[in-house]
Every structure is written in structure tokens, then in C-alpha cells.
Protein backbone atom coordinates (compact mmCIF):
# COMPACT_ATOMS: atom_id res chain seq x y z
CA MET A 1 39.85 18.57 -16.78
CA GLY A 2 36.66 20.38 -15.73
CA LYS A 3 34.47 18.12 -17.90
CA LYS A 4 36.09 15.06 -16.36
CA ILE A 5 35.31 16.27 -12.83
CA MET A 6 31.73 17.10 -13.84
CA GLY A 7 31.39 13.64 -15.38
CA TYR A 8 32.58 11.95 -12.19
CA GLY A 9 30.31 14.20 -10.14
CA LEU A 10 27.31 13.28 -12.29
CA LEU A 11 28.19 9.59 -12.08
CA PHE A 12 28.48 9.90 -8.29
CA LEU A 13 25.06 11.60 -8.06
CA LEU A 14 23.47 8.89 -10.23
CA VAL A 15 24.91 6.12 -8.04
CA VAL A 16 23.73 7.90 -4.87
CA ALA A 17 20.24 8.36 -6.39
CA ALA A 18 20.09 4.67 -7.36
CA VAL A 19 21.10 3.59 -3.83
CA VAL A 20 18.53 5.93 -2.24
CA ILE A 21 15.76 4.66 -4.53
CA TRP A 22 16.70 1.04 -3.83
CA TRP A 23 16.84 1.70 -0.06
CA ARG A 24 13.51 3.53 -0.01
CA PHE A 25 11.43 1.20 -2.21
CA TYR A 26 13.11 -2.22 -2.47
CA PHE A 27 15.04 -2.80 0.76
CA VAL A 28 13.07 -5.06 3.14
CA TYR A 29 13.16 -3.20 6.43
CA SER A 30 11.50 -5.99 8.41
CA GLU A 31 9.45 -9.11 7.95
CA GLY A 32 7.21 -11.11 10.23
CA THR A 33 3.80 -12.64 10.75
CA LYS A 34 0.42 -11.26 11.68
CA ALA A 35 -2.63 -13.24 12.68
CA GLY A 36 -6.23 -12.16 12.87
CA VAL A 37 -9.54 -12.13 11.07
CA LEU A 38 -9.50 -10.95 7.46
CA ASN A 39 -11.96 -8.06 7.62
CA THR A 40 -11.73 -6.60 4.12
CA PHE A 41 -9.91 -7.47 0.95
CA GLN A 42 -10.34 -5.63 -2.32
CA HIS A 43 -8.90 -5.03 -5.77
CA LYS A 44 -8.78 -1.27 -6.25
CA GLY A 45 -7.03 1.59 -7.97
CA VAL A 46 -7.38 4.09 -10.79
CA VAL A 47 -4.23 3.57 -12.87
CA PHE A 48 -2.63 0.65 -11.04
CA LYS A 49 -5.09 -1.97 -9.74
CA THR A 50 -3.70 -3.36 -6.49
CA TYR A 51 -4.93 -5.76 -3.84
CA GLU A 52 -5.47 -4.18 -0.43
CA GLY A 53 -6.61 -5.86 2.77
CA LYS A 54 -7.17 -5.38 6.46
CA ILE A 55 -6.81 -7.87 9.30
CA ILE A 56 -8.41 -7.28 12.67
CA GLN A 57 -6.19 -8.47 15.51
CA SER A 58 -7.77 -8.94 18.90
CA GLY A 59 -6.17 -7.07 21.76
CA PHE A 60 -6.95 -5.90 25.24
CA ARG A 61 -5.86 -2.63 26.78
CA ALA A 62 -7.55 -0.34 29.30
CA ASN A 63 -10.69 -0.76 27.22
CA VAL A 64 -11.51 -3.53 24.81
CA GLN A 65 -10.20 -2.64 21.38
CA SER A 66 -8.86 -4.36 18.31
CA ASN A 67 -5.80 -3.53 16.27
CA GLU A 68 -5.98 -3.24 12.50
CA PHE A 69 -3.22 -4.34 10.13
CA ASP A 70 -3.49 -2.79 6.65
CA PHE A 71 -1.54 -4.56 3.92
CA SER A 72 -1.08 -4.96 0.17
CA VAL A 73 -0.62 -8.13 -1.89
CA GLU A 74 1.40 -8.41 -5.13
CA ASP A 75 0.91 -12.08 -5.98
CA GLU A 76 -2.37 -12.87 -7.77
CA LYS A 77 -2.54 -16.44 -6.40
CA ILE A 78 -2.34 -15.21 -2.79
CA ALA A 79 -4.85 -12.45 -3.50
CA GLN A 80 -7.35 -14.96 -4.92
CA LYS A 81 -7.00 -17.20 -1.84
CA LEU A 82 -7.57 -14.21 0.44
CA MET A 83 -10.64 -13.16 -1.57
CA GLU A 84 -12.10 -16.65 -1.10
CA ASN A 85 -11.53 -16.60 2.66
CA ALA A 86 -12.75 -13.17 3.81
CA GLY A 87 -14.03 -13.27 7.37
CA LYS A 88 -11.83 -16.19 8.41
CA GLU A 89 -8.99 -16.16 10.90
CA MET A 90 -5.57 -16.53 9.32
CA GLU A 91 -1.85 -16.12 9.79
CA LEU A 92 0.06 -14.15 7.14
CA HIS A 93 3.73 -13.45 6.43
CA TYR A 94 4.63 -9.90 5.41
CA LYS A 95 7.57 -7.76 4.35
CA ARG A 96 7.80 -4.11 5.35
CA TYR A 97 9.39 -1.51 3.08
CA PHE A 98 10.22 2.15 3.80
CA GLY A 99 8.12 3.43 0.90
CA THR A 100 5.25 2.39 -1.35
CA LEU A 101 5.24 1.91 -5.10
CA PRO A 102 1.97 2.47 -7.00
CA TRP A 103 2.08 -0.96 -8.69
CA ARG A 104 2.91 -2.75 -5.43
CA GLY A 105 0.08 -1.28 -3.35
CA SER A 106 -0.77 1.55 -1.00
CA SER A 107 0.76 0.01 2.12
CA VAL A 108 4.37 -0.40 3.20
CA TYR A 109 3.36 -3.88 4.43
CA VAL A 110 3.25 -6.44 1.60
CA VAL A 111 1.92 -9.93 2.33
CA ASP A 112 3.91 -12.54 0.44
CA SER A 113 2.53 -15.79 1.88
CA ILE A 114 -0.32 -17.31 3.84
CA TYR A 115 0.90 -19.53 6.66
CA LYS A 116 -2.46 -20.81 7.83
CA ILE A 117 -6.15 -20.32 7.32
CA PHE A 118 -7.86 -21.67 10.40
CA GLY A 119 -10.56 -24.23 9.68
CA LYS A 120 -8.99 -25.51 6.44
CA ALA A 121 -7.14 -28.76 5.75
CA PRO A 122 -3.33 -28.47 6.23
CA GLU A 123 -2.53 -29.12 2.56
CA GLU A 124 -4.68 -26.12 1.58
CA SER A 125 -3.29 -23.79 4.23
CA THR A 126 0.19 -22.76 3.08
CA ILE A 127 0.35 -20.50 0.01
CA ARG A 128 3.60 -18.76 -0.93
CA ALA A 129 4.50 -16.23 -3.60
CA LYS A 130 6.60 -17.45 -6.52
């Protein structure tokens, strides 16, 4: 009887751990779009090479300042398109997670598609992850 209870307890703890891990690292907390000028984009990392970028969004407050949006990219096709268009204004779609995974990138914001790169032909503008 005691082993049965311990078995159910262990099973319960494993299920709770799986739900917590899923919630922390795979649940999409929010998604949306950001627009601005792609300031930096790089492929970096020691063990896991990830794509990391930064968009500068213009904004006005009491003094003139810009807002930065740091993000990661998983899809190689999107990363290549961003590398080719550094310094251009663009509109990106992102997903926000509660936690980061080393193979996904160092940001909780993960860009999964490019809506528009300003100054390009419309057929070249939209790039989506698989």
C-alpha cells in the first residue's frame, strides 16, 4: 500500500514538473508586432549558436529617446533575410515566452516572421517561419 501511494506521488510530481516546464518555456505568453530600424543582428554563442537582434523604435518622451527591442530568431531563413537587411526599417512578428532556452536564443522575444521590409517589393517583404 505504501509503495502504491509513493508511486502515485511520484507520478503526480512528474506531471506537475512537466506542466511547469511547458508553461515556463513553451507556452506563448503573448504575440504581436514591432516596427523599427534593425540596428544589430548577429549569430553568436559558445555551445548553442543563436541569432540575436536589436530593433531601434523611435519614440518621444520628455527628452528625445529611442526604445530598443531585443529579440532572438530560430528560423534560419528569417535570420538570413534579417542579416541581408541590417539598417533598414522593418515590421516583425514575435512571440513572447516566460523563459529562454539556450538553443532558442537569449531573449524571451522570438521573431517568427517578417511582415514588411520598407523599401522592398511586396513579393519580397513577407517571410514566415515553417
